[in-house]
N, C-alpha and C. Protein backbone atom coordinates (compact mmCIF):
# COMPACT_ATOMS: atom_id res chain seq x y z
N MET A 1 -52.30 -11.17 89.00
CA MET A 1 -52.40 -9.80 88.15
C MET A 1 -53.33 -10.51 87.00
N GLY A 2 -53.21 -9.57 85.75
CA GLY A 2 -54.29 -9.70 84.90
C GLY A 2 -53.34 -9.76 83.52
N ALA A 3 -54.01 -9.87 82.76
CA ALA A 3 -53.06 -10.01 81.36
C ALA A 3 -52.35 -8.62 80.90
N PHE A 4 -53.37 -7.78 81.34
CA PHE A 4 -52.75 -6.21 81.19
C PHE A 4 -52.03 -5.17 82.60
N GLY A 5 -51.57 -6.41 83.42
CA GLY A 5 -50.97 -5.45 84.41
C GLY A 5 -51.92 -5.31 85.62
N GLY A 6 -53.00 -5.24 85.41
CA GLY A 6 -54.22 -4.68 86.53
C GLY A 6 -54.48 -5.74 87.29
N GLY A 7 -55.51 -5.31 87.97
CA GLY A 7 -55.96 -6.22 89.20
C GLY A 7 -57.10 -6.64 88.42
N LEU A 8 -58.14 -7.72 89.61
CA LEU A 8 -59.23 -8.26 89.28
C LEU A 8 -60.24 -6.93 88.21
N GLY A 9 -59.79 -5.64 88.58
CA GLY A 9 -60.85 -4.34 87.67
C GLY A 9 -60.82 -4.63 86.08
N SER A 10 -59.31 -4.79 85.97
CA SER A 10 -58.74 -4.69 84.57
C SER A 10 -59.22 -5.99 83.69
N ARG A 11 -59.53 -6.93 84.31
CA ARG A 11 -60.32 -7.80 83.48
C ARG A 11 -61.79 -8.14 83.22
N LEU A 12 -62.23 -7.00 84.24
CA LEU A 12 -63.65 -6.92 84.22
C LEU A 12 -64.09 -5.73 82.80
N GLY A 13 -63.15 -5.22 83.08
CA GLY A 13 -63.53 -4.05 81.96
C GLY A 13 -63.12 -2.46 82.97
N PRO A 14 -63.45 -1.40 82.22
CA PRO A 14 -63.50 0.16 82.91
C PRO A 14 -64.41 -0.06 84.00
N TRP A 15 -65.55 -0.74 83.95
CA TRP A 15 -66.66 -0.07 85.16
C TRP A 15 -66.37 -0.79 86.21
N PHE A 16 -65.53 -1.73 86.24
CA PHE A 16 -65.25 -2.11 87.68
C PHE A 16 -63.68 -1.78 88.19
N SER A 17 -62.99 -0.96 87.32
CA SER A 17 -61.66 -0.59 87.74
C SER A 17 -61.64 0.18 88.67
N ARG A 18 -60.60 0.29 89.67
CA ARG A 18 -60.33 1.56 90.68
C ARG A 18 -59.84 2.69 90.00
N PRO A 19 -60.64 3.78 90.64
CA PRO A 19 -60.18 5.02 90.10
C PRO A 19 -58.40 5.43 90.57
N ARG A 20 -57.97 5.76 89.32
CA ARG A 20 -56.28 6.08 89.25
C ARG A 20 -56.31 7.15 90.17
N ARG A 21 -55.16 7.10 90.73
CA ARG A 21 -54.66 8.59 91.60
C ARG A 21 -53.95 9.19 90.84
N GLY A 22 -53.97 10.69 91.01
CA GLY A 22 -52.82 11.42 90.49
C GLY A 22 -51.82 11.75 91.24
N PRO A 23 -50.77 12.85 91.22
CA PRO A 23 -49.67 12.71 91.80
C PRO A 23 -50.09 13.14 93.35
N ILE A 24 -51.05 13.87 93.59
CA ILE A 24 -51.33 14.29 95.06
C ILE A 24 -52.37 13.62 95.72
N GLY A 25 -52.65 12.75 95.16
CA GLY A 25 -53.86 11.58 95.80
C GLY A 25 -55.55 11.85 95.24
N GLN A 26 -55.32 12.90 94.13
CA GLN A 26 -56.86 13.04 93.71
C GLN A 26 -56.74 12.33 92.43
N SER A 27 -57.94 11.76 92.48
CA SER A 27 -58.52 10.84 91.28
C SER A 27 -58.05 11.38 90.19
N SER A 28 -58.52 10.88 88.86
CA SER A 28 -58.27 11.69 87.67
C SER A 28 -59.70 12.35 87.30
N SER A 29 -60.88 12.02 87.89
CA SER A 29 -61.76 13.10 87.90
C SER A 29 -62.14 14.11 88.35
N GLU A 30 -61.05 14.68 89.56
CA GLU A 30 -61.23 15.32 90.44
C GLU A 30 -59.60 16.41 90.21
N ARG A 31 -58.94 16.17 89.14
CA ARG A 31 -57.88 16.83 88.68
C ARG A 31 -58.46 17.76 87.84
N VAL A 32 -57.52 19.09 87.79
CA VAL A 32 -58.13 20.17 87.00
C VAL A 32 -57.26 20.40 85.77
N SER A 33 -57.82 20.20 84.77
CA SER A 33 -56.69 20.21 83.45
C SER A 33 -56.95 21.87 83.21
N PRO A 34 -55.57 21.90 82.60
CA PRO A 34 -55.33 23.18 82.18
C PRO A 34 -56.07 23.90 81.00
N PRO A 35 -56.33 25.22 81.00
CA PRO A 35 -57.56 25.56 80.56
C PRO A 35 -56.58 25.45 78.75
N PRO A 36 -57.85 25.19 77.70
CA PRO A 36 -57.14 25.47 76.56
C PRO A 36 -56.79 26.45 75.73
N GLU A 37 -55.93 26.30 74.93
CA GLU A 37 -55.62 27.68 74.53
C GLU A 37 -56.33 28.23 73.48
N PRO A 38 -56.35 29.24 73.18
CA PRO A 38 -57.28 30.24 72.85
C PRO A 38 -57.16 29.80 71.06
N LYS A 39 -58.34 29.49 70.37
CA LYS A 39 -57.72 29.58 68.70
C LYS A 39 -57.85 30.83 68.00
N PRO A 40 -56.51 30.60 66.88
CA PRO A 40 -56.31 32.26 66.65
C PRO A 40 -57.46 32.75 65.71
N VAL A 41 -57.83 33.78 65.79
CA VAL A 41 -59.00 34.23 64.92
C VAL A 41 -58.40 34.92 63.88
N PRO A 42 -59.07 34.25 62.34
CA PRO A 42 -58.36 34.61 61.15
C PRO A 42 -58.41 36.10 60.93
N THR A 43 -57.37 36.89 60.28
CA THR A 43 -57.87 38.45 60.49
C THR A 43 -58.24 38.68 59.09
N ALA A 44 -57.66 37.62 57.99
CA ALA A 44 -57.63 38.19 56.48
C ALA A 44 -59.15 37.27 56.26
N PHE A 45 -59.54 37.84 55.08
CA PHE A 45 -60.37 36.81 54.39
C PHE A 45 -59.99 35.21 54.03
N VAL A 46 -60.31 34.24 54.31
CA VAL A 46 -60.13 32.98 54.02
C VAL A 46 -61.06 32.27 52.59
N TYR A 47 -60.18 32.31 51.74
CA TYR A 47 -60.97 31.44 50.27
C TYR A 47 -61.68 30.24 50.76
N ARG A 48 -62.64 30.38 50.40
CA ARG A 48 -63.44 28.73 50.35
C ARG A 48 -63.96 28.25 49.05
N GLY A 49 -63.56 28.69 48.19
CA GLY A 49 -63.94 28.49 46.90
C GLY A 49 -64.70 29.22 45.91
N PRO A 50 -65.28 29.22 45.26
CA PRO A 50 -66.42 30.06 44.19
C PRO A 50 -67.40 30.41 45.05
N ASP A 51 -68.25 31.11 45.28
CA ASP A 51 -69.47 31.19 45.74
C ASP A 51 -70.78 30.21 45.23
N ARG A 52 -71.20 30.00 46.03
CA ARG A 52 -72.04 28.56 46.02
C ARG A 52 -73.71 29.38 45.37
N ARG A 53 -73.93 30.82 45.71
CA ARG A 53 -75.00 31.26 45.41
C ARG A 53 -74.90 31.25 43.74
N ARG A 54 -75.88 31.18 43.02
CA ARG A 54 -76.07 31.71 41.52
C ARG A 54 -76.12 32.98 40.99
N ALA A 55 -76.88 33.74 42.12
CA ALA A 55 -77.19 34.76 41.99
C ALA A 55 -77.39 35.50 43.31
N PRO A 56 -77.13 37.16 43.55
CA PRO A 56 -77.58 37.63 44.26
C PRO A 56 -79.00 37.72 44.89
N THR A 57 -79.30 37.95 46.06
CA THR A 57 -80.46 38.02 46.78
C THR A 57 -81.62 39.42 45.42
N PRO A 58 -82.48 38.92 45.12
CA PRO A 58 -83.14 39.81 43.87
C PRO A 58 -83.83 40.63 44.67
N ARG A 59 -84.25 41.96 44.03
CA ARG A 59 -85.52 42.48 44.71
C ARG A 59 -86.78 41.95 45.38
N PHE A 60 -87.25 41.46 44.41
CA PHE A 60 -88.63 40.80 44.80
C PHE A 60 -88.13 39.22 44.34
N SER A 61 -88.84 38.36 45.62
CA SER A 61 -88.92 36.90 45.52
C SER A 61 -89.75 36.47 46.25
N ARG A 62 -89.97 35.16 46.19
CA ARG A 62 -90.89 34.26 46.63
C ARG A 62 -91.06 34.68 48.50
N TYR A 63 -89.69 35.08 48.72
CA TYR A 63 -89.51 34.96 50.21
C TYR A 63 -89.89 36.63 50.71
N THR A 64 -90.22 37.75 49.87
CA THR A 64 -90.07 39.04 50.14
C THR A 64 -91.45 39.20 51.28
N LEU A 65 -92.45 38.65 50.90
CA LEU A 65 -93.73 38.85 51.44
C LEU A 65 -93.61 37.33 52.49
N TRP A 66 -93.65 36.33 52.26
CA TRP A 66 -93.91 35.07 52.88
C TRP A 66 -92.60 34.01 53.00
N GLY A 67 -91.83 34.73 54.65
CA GLY A 67 -91.02 34.13 55.17
C GLY A 67 -89.52 33.45 54.70
N GLY A 68 -89.19 34.62 54.33
CA GLY A 68 -87.59 34.49 53.91
C GLY A 68 -86.48 34.92 55.41
N ARG A 69 -85.68 34.47 54.96
CA ARG A 69 -84.32 34.29 55.84
C ARG A 69 -83.67 35.19 55.90
N ARG A 70 -83.19 36.17 54.90
CA ARG A 70 -82.23 37.11 55.51
C ARG A 70 -82.40 38.22 55.65
N ARG A 71 -82.07 38.59 56.61
CA ARG A 71 -82.63 40.03 57.62
C ARG A 71 -81.53 40.87 57.23
N LYS A 72 -80.14 40.81 57.09
CA LYS A 72 -79.30 41.77 56.33
C LYS A 72 -78.28 40.98 55.84
N PRO A 73 -77.34 41.90 55.29
CA PRO A 73 -76.51 41.18 54.57
C PRO A 73 -75.05 40.78 55.19
N ARG A 74 -74.58 39.62 54.41
CA ARG A 74 -73.48 38.53 54.99
C ARG A 74 -72.46 39.40 55.51
N ARG A 75 -71.84 40.25 54.77
CA ARG A 75 -70.79 41.21 55.60
C ARG A 75 -71.22 42.63 55.38
N ASP A 76 -70.45 42.88 56.40
CA ASP A 76 -70.59 44.19 56.70
C ASP A 76 -70.16 45.60 55.27
N ASP A 77 -69.09 44.83 54.34
CA ASP A 77 -68.97 45.92 53.65
C ASP A 77 -70.25 45.91 52.32
N GLU A 78 -70.99 44.86 52.50
CA GLU A 78 -72.31 44.53 51.82
C GLU A 78 -73.39 45.52 52.23
N ARG A 79 -73.30 45.89 52.97
CA ARG A 79 -74.52 46.94 53.57
C ARG A 79 -75.24 47.58 52.76
N GLU A 80 -74.45 48.76 52.42
CA GLU A 80 -75.01 49.68 51.34
C GLU A 80 -75.29 49.06 49.74
N GLY A 81 -76.47 49.25 49.54
CA GLY A 81 -76.96 48.54 48.33
C GLY A 81 -77.33 47.47 48.23
N SER A 82 -77.55 46.62 49.17
CA SER A 82 -77.95 45.00 49.01
C SER A 82 -79.65 44.92 49.05
N PHE A 83 -80.02 44.06 48.55
CA PHE A 83 -81.14 43.55 49.32
C PHE A 83 -81.63 42.21 50.13
N VAL A 84 -82.56 42.55 50.89
CA VAL A 84 -82.72 41.51 51.74
C VAL A 84 -84.08 40.62 51.60
N ASP A 85 -84.31 39.70 52.23
CA ASP A 85 -85.61 38.87 52.18
C ASP A 85 -86.65 39.51 53.25
N VAL A 86 -86.02 39.55 54.54
CA VAL A 86 -87.23 39.97 55.41
C VAL A 86 -87.07 41.28 56.00
N TYR A 87 -87.38 42.06 56.39
CA TYR A 87 -87.43 43.71 56.75
C TYR A 87 -87.82 43.69 58.29
N GLY A 88 -86.88 44.59 58.60
CA GLY A 88 -87.11 44.60 60.45
C GLY A 88 -88.33 45.46 60.80
N GLY A 89 -88.23 45.56 61.98
CA GLY A 89 -89.25 46.26 62.98
C GLY A 89 -89.39 47.54 62.36
N ARG A 90 -88.20 48.19 62.49
CA ARG A 90 -88.12 49.36 62.19
C ARG A 90 -88.92 49.92 61.06
N VAL A 91 -88.27 49.26 59.77
CA VAL A 91 -89.07 49.89 58.71
C VAL A 91 -90.20 49.32 58.56
N PHE A 92 -90.79 48.53 59.11
CA PHE A 92 -92.45 47.90 59.16
C PHE A 92 -93.13 49.39 59.93
N LEU A 93 -92.60 49.87 60.98
CA LEU A 93 -93.33 50.80 61.63
C LEU A 93 -93.02 51.92 60.92
N LEU A 94 -92.20 52.58 60.17
CA LEU A 94 -91.57 53.42 59.71
C LEU A 94 -93.04 53.58 58.57
N VAL A 95 -93.20 52.88 57.70
CA VAL A 95 -94.16 52.34 56.57
C VAL A 95 -95.16 52.44 56.90
N LEU A 96 -95.69 52.19 58.10
CA LEU A 96 -97.16 51.84 58.68
C LEU A 96 -97.39 53.09 59.02
N TRP A 97 -96.20 54.04 59.68
CA TRP A 97 -96.44 55.37 60.08
C TRP A 97 -96.78 56.53 58.74
N VAL A 98 -96.17 55.97 57.81
CA VAL A 98 -96.41 56.85 56.56
C VAL A 98 -97.78 56.74 56.18
N ALA A 99 -98.08 55.27 56.28
CA ALA A 99 -99.55 55.03 55.61
C ALA A 99 -100.77 55.42 55.96
N LEU A 100 -100.18 55.65 57.41
CA LEU A 100 -101.47 56.04 58.48
C LEU A 100 -101.43 57.76 58.45
N MET A 101 -100.61 57.92 58.54
CA MET A 101 -100.44 59.71 57.86
C MET A 101 -101.26 60.03 56.88
N ASN A 102 -100.95 59.05 55.91
CA ASN A 102 -101.51 59.33 54.59
C ASN A 102 -103.33 59.34 54.85
N VAL A 103 -103.56 58.21 55.43
CA VAL A 103 -105.14 58.13 55.25
C VAL A 103 -105.63 59.29 56.47
N GLY A 104 -104.86 60.05 57.56
CA GLY A 104 -105.04 60.93 58.07
C GLY A 104 -105.17 62.42 57.13
N ASP A 105 -104.23 62.32 56.57
CA ASP A 105 -103.99 63.60 55.25
C ASP A 105 -105.12 63.41 54.42
N SER A 106 -105.23 62.34 54.00
CA SER A 106 -106.86 62.39 53.21
C SER A 106 -108.21 62.82 53.86
N PHE A 107 -108.23 62.06 55.13
CA PHE A 107 -109.72 62.36 56.02
C PHE A 107 -109.52 63.99 56.03
N PHE A 108 -108.39 64.41 56.56
CA PHE A 108 -108.56 65.98 57.17
C PHE A 108 -108.80 66.75 55.89
N THR A 109 -108.06 66.31 54.89
CA THR A 109 -108.42 67.22 53.71
C THR A 109 -109.88 67.39 53.21
N LEU A 110 -110.69 66.03 53.30
CA LEU A 110 -111.73 66.16 53.05
C LEU A 110 -112.83 67.08 53.96
N VAL A 111 -112.48 66.86 55.17
CA VAL A 111 -113.20 67.70 56.23
C VAL A 111 -112.83 68.96 55.48
N HIS A 112 -111.92 69.48 55.51
CA HIS A 112 -111.48 70.68 55.37
C HIS A 112 -112.07 71.40 54.23
N LEU A 113 -112.49 70.62 53.07
CA LEU A 113 -112.61 71.37 51.75
C LEU A 113 -114.43 71.35 52.20
N GLN A 114 -114.94 70.18 53.07
CA GLN A 114 -116.31 70.43 53.21
C GLN A 114 -116.52 71.46 54.16
N ALA A 115 -115.53 72.35 54.62
CA ALA A 115 -116.01 73.47 55.70
C ALA A 115 -115.48 74.83 54.46
N GLY A 116 -115.04 74.56 53.53
CA GLY A 116 -115.02 75.82 52.82
C GLY A 116 -113.53 75.94 52.32
N GLY A 117 -112.42 75.01 52.82
CA GLY A 117 -111.12 75.35 52.38
C GLY A 117 -110.41 74.93 51.13
N VAL A 118 -109.80 74.95 50.69
CA VAL A 118 -109.20 74.90 49.10
C VAL A 118 -107.91 74.20 49.47
N GLU A 119 -107.89 73.02 48.34
CA GLU A 119 -106.74 72.05 48.14
C GLU A 119 -105.73 72.96 47.44
N LEU A 120 -104.58 73.18 47.89
CA LEU A 120 -103.44 73.89 46.96
C LEU A 120 -102.74 72.95 46.46
N ASN A 121 -102.55 71.59 46.61
CA ASN A 121 -101.76 70.77 45.78
C ASN A 121 -102.44 70.23 44.51
N PRO A 122 -101.88 70.97 43.14
CA PRO A 122 -102.58 70.38 42.07
C PRO A 122 -103.08 68.86 41.57
N VAL A 123 -102.05 68.14 41.93
CA VAL A 123 -102.24 66.67 41.84
C VAL A 123 -103.61 66.19 42.63
N ALA A 124 -103.69 66.45 43.84
CA ALA A 124 -104.58 66.18 44.53
C ALA A 124 -106.18 66.94 44.21
N ARG A 125 -105.99 68.26 43.65
CA ARG A 125 -107.00 68.88 43.23
C ARG A 125 -107.40 68.15 41.75
N MET A 126 -106.64 67.75 41.28
CA MET A 126 -107.06 66.86 40.15
C MET A 126 -107.50 65.45 40.47
N LEU A 127 -107.19 65.24 41.36
CA LEU A 127 -107.66 63.84 41.81
C LEU A 127 -109.38 63.93 42.48
N LEU A 128 -109.36 65.27 43.11
CA LEU A 128 -110.69 65.35 43.56
C LEU A 128 -111.62 65.47 42.87
N THR A 129 -111.68 65.98 41.39
CA THR A 129 -112.51 66.30 40.51
C THR A 129 -113.10 64.71 40.54
N THR A 130 -112.25 63.54 40.84
CA THR A 130 -113.08 62.02 40.51
C THR A 130 -113.75 61.55 41.40
N GLY A 131 -114.12 62.43 42.58
CA GLY A 131 -114.95 62.00 43.63
C GLY A 131 -114.24 61.78 44.97
N ARG A 132 -114.95 61.52 45.94
CA ARG A 132 -114.01 61.18 47.14
C ARG A 132 -113.49 59.93 47.24
N TRP A 133 -113.98 59.20 47.18
CA TRP A 133 -113.92 57.84 47.33
C TRP A 133 -112.32 57.26 46.04
N ASN A 134 -112.75 57.90 44.95
CA ASN A 134 -111.72 58.03 44.44
C ASN A 134 -110.54 58.46 44.38
N PHE A 135 -110.68 59.96 45.35
CA PHE A 135 -109.44 60.31 45.59
C PHE A 135 -108.61 59.82 46.67
N VAL A 136 -109.10 59.12 47.86
CA VAL A 136 -108.70 58.39 48.91
C VAL A 136 -107.98 57.24 48.47
N PHE A 137 -108.86 56.36 47.54
CA PHE A 137 -108.18 55.41 47.31
C PHE A 137 -106.87 55.23 46.03
N THR A 138 -107.18 56.32 45.12
CA THR A 138 -106.14 56.41 44.30
C THR A 138 -104.89 56.96 44.93
N LYS A 139 -104.99 58.25 45.91
CA LYS A 139 -103.83 58.59 46.85
C LYS A 139 -103.25 57.66 47.42
N SER A 140 -104.12 56.90 48.00
CA SER A 140 -103.74 55.71 48.85
C SER A 140 -103.03 54.64 48.35
N ILE A 141 -103.48 54.31 47.03
CA ILE A 141 -102.80 52.81 46.30
C ILE A 141 -101.27 54.05 45.76
N LEU A 142 -101.38 55.27 45.36
CA LEU A 142 -100.07 55.90 44.68
C LEU A 142 -98.90 55.68 46.24
N ILE A 143 -99.45 56.06 47.15
CA ILE A 143 -98.62 56.08 48.49
C ILE A 143 -97.56 54.66 48.59
N ALA A 144 -98.78 53.79 48.79
CA ALA A 144 -98.18 52.71 48.68
C ALA A 144 -97.65 51.97 48.05
N LEU A 145 -97.53 52.26 46.70
CA LEU A 145 -96.63 51.66 45.72
C LEU A 145 -95.13 52.43 46.05
N ALA A 146 -95.36 53.92 46.35
CA ALA A 146 -94.09 54.42 46.73
C ALA A 146 -93.37 53.92 47.53
N LEU A 147 -94.10 53.65 48.73
CA LEU A 147 -94.05 52.79 50.12
C LEU A 147 -92.84 51.79 49.76
N ILE A 148 -93.79 50.98 49.02
CA ILE A 148 -93.10 49.58 48.77
C ILE A 148 -91.57 49.47 48.10
N VAL A 149 -91.51 50.56 46.78
CA VAL A 149 -90.29 50.81 46.48
C VAL A 149 -89.19 51.27 47.72
N LEU A 150 -89.41 51.96 48.33
CA LEU A 150 -88.52 52.64 49.47
C LEU A 150 -88.43 51.48 50.50
N ALA A 151 -89.33 50.54 51.01
CA ALA A 151 -88.70 49.37 51.59
C ALA A 151 -88.31 48.56 51.21
N VAL A 152 -88.18 47.90 49.86
CA VAL A 152 -87.66 47.18 49.18
C VAL A 152 -86.15 47.62 49.11
N HIS A 153 -85.79 49.07 48.87
CA HIS A 153 -84.40 49.67 48.82
C HIS A 153 -84.02 50.37 50.11
N LYS A 154 -84.47 49.44 51.05
CA LYS A 154 -84.18 50.13 52.60
C LYS A 154 -82.74 50.26 52.89
N ASN A 155 -82.07 49.38 52.04
CA ASN A 155 -80.21 49.64 52.28
C ASN A 155 -79.76 50.29 51.27
N PHE A 156 -80.57 51.07 50.65
CA PHE A 156 -79.96 52.07 49.82
C PHE A 156 -80.02 53.57 50.69
N HIS A 157 -78.86 54.69 50.78
CA HIS A 157 -78.92 55.62 51.56
C HIS A 157 -80.14 56.31 50.74
N LEU A 158 -80.25 57.07 49.65
CA LEU A 158 -81.34 57.27 49.38
C LEU A 158 -82.95 56.95 49.79
N ALA A 159 -82.86 55.77 49.90
CA ALA A 159 -84.14 55.10 50.11
C ALA A 159 -84.51 55.40 51.42
N ARG A 160 -83.40 55.23 52.27
CA ARG A 160 -83.61 55.83 53.40
C ARG A 160 -84.08 57.14 54.05
N ILE A 161 -83.25 57.72 53.30
CA ILE A 161 -83.80 59.59 53.46
C ILE A 161 -85.05 59.84 52.87
N GLY A 162 -85.63 58.98 51.65
CA GLY A 162 -86.84 59.23 51.31
C GLY A 162 -88.12 58.28 52.30
N LEU A 163 -87.42 57.57 53.20
CA LEU A 163 -88.49 57.18 53.85
C LEU A 163 -88.75 58.11 55.10
N TRP A 164 -87.87 58.28 55.95
CA TRP A 164 -87.52 59.32 56.91
C TRP A 164 -87.94 60.55 56.53
N THR A 165 -87.61 61.32 55.27
CA THR A 165 -88.62 62.54 54.60
C THR A 165 -89.99 62.47 54.93
N ALA A 166 -90.49 61.21 53.92
CA ALA A 166 -92.01 60.74 53.73
C ALA A 166 -92.79 60.88 55.33
N ALA A 167 -91.59 60.02 56.67
CA ALA A 167 -92.72 60.12 57.73
C ALA A 167 -92.74 61.72 58.21
N GLY A 168 -91.43 62.29 58.20
CA GLY A 168 -91.61 63.68 59.05
C GLY A 168 -92.44 64.79 57.91
N THR A 169 -92.61 64.46 56.47
CA THR A 169 -93.43 65.55 56.11
C THR A 169 -94.79 64.96 56.13
N TYR A 170 -95.27 64.02 56.55
CA TYR A 170 -96.84 63.66 56.67
C TYR A 170 -97.14 63.91 57.88
N THR A 171 -96.07 63.80 58.71
CA THR A 171 -96.60 64.44 60.57
C THR A 171 -96.59 65.58 60.32
N CYS A 172 -95.71 66.62 59.94
CA CYS A 172 -95.98 67.84 59.59
C CYS A 172 -97.20 68.31 58.80
N LEU A 173 -97.77 67.51 58.34
CA LEU A 173 -98.83 67.75 57.63
C LEU A 173 -100.12 67.65 58.36
N VAL A 174 -100.08 66.50 59.00
CA VAL A 174 -101.21 66.00 59.67
C VAL A 174 -100.95 67.10 60.95
N ALA A 175 -100.31 67.47 61.54
CA ALA A 175 -100.29 68.54 62.56
C ALA A 175 -100.63 69.75 62.31
N TYR A 176 -100.32 69.93 60.79
CA TYR A 176 -101.12 71.57 60.44
C TYR A 176 -102.44 71.26 60.22
N HIS A 177 -102.88 70.32 59.71
CA HIS A 177 -104.39 69.93 59.53
C HIS A 177 -105.03 70.07 60.90
N LEU A 178 -104.58 69.26 61.92
CA LEU A 178 -104.88 70.02 63.49
C LEU A 178 -104.59 71.35 63.68
N LEU A 179 -104.06 71.83 63.55
CA LEU A 179 -103.68 73.06 63.84
C LEU A 179 -104.91 73.84 63.27
N LEU A 180 -105.44 73.67 61.93
CA LEU A 180 -106.17 74.76 61.23
C LEU A 180 -107.84 74.36 61.88
N PHE A 181 -107.90 73.42 62.72
CA PHE A 181 -109.01 73.04 63.65
C PHE A 181 -109.23 74.25 64.82
N ARG A 182 -108.21 74.42 65.26
CA ARG A 182 -107.79 75.46 66.43
C ARG A 182 -108.14 76.51 65.69
N MET A 183 -108.33 77.01 64.63
CA MET A 183 -108.29 78.67 64.11
C MET A 183 -109.42 78.68 63.98
């Protein structure tokens, strides 16, 4: 026997030792260990020191357009009224839809005016006095600025209402323009 009470295997190291047998003749690698006890889930907020951030996420940052990381608030109770770096696909599609409907409204407005129609919106009527291209350009810029403000404030209830209202209103307006073609 060796110095540690084993045979030749214990003197040559663990690589050459015989597998030890369990209580029923199984080797230790064949024995089933009991499942680990589940770790307790913390139910209350655990204080981990002062907030490491110097300031909350700003409205506009260098990450707003180019590769931010924060898609949603860190905690559920912060959802309303918080700003994020990355905007989801739903907001992108909604903003794109409103922008496309705005372009369609501008196009159909010009078509109907050439056919003898009358512009009822006083702001659009004033913009039409500057020329066709200025009308389309100015209207598109104003709507784009409004959409940027609404998209940045997407976690505010009033901004979400504004985005969906703009999408619904422009969709109905373009549908009205198309209906005028049938008359």
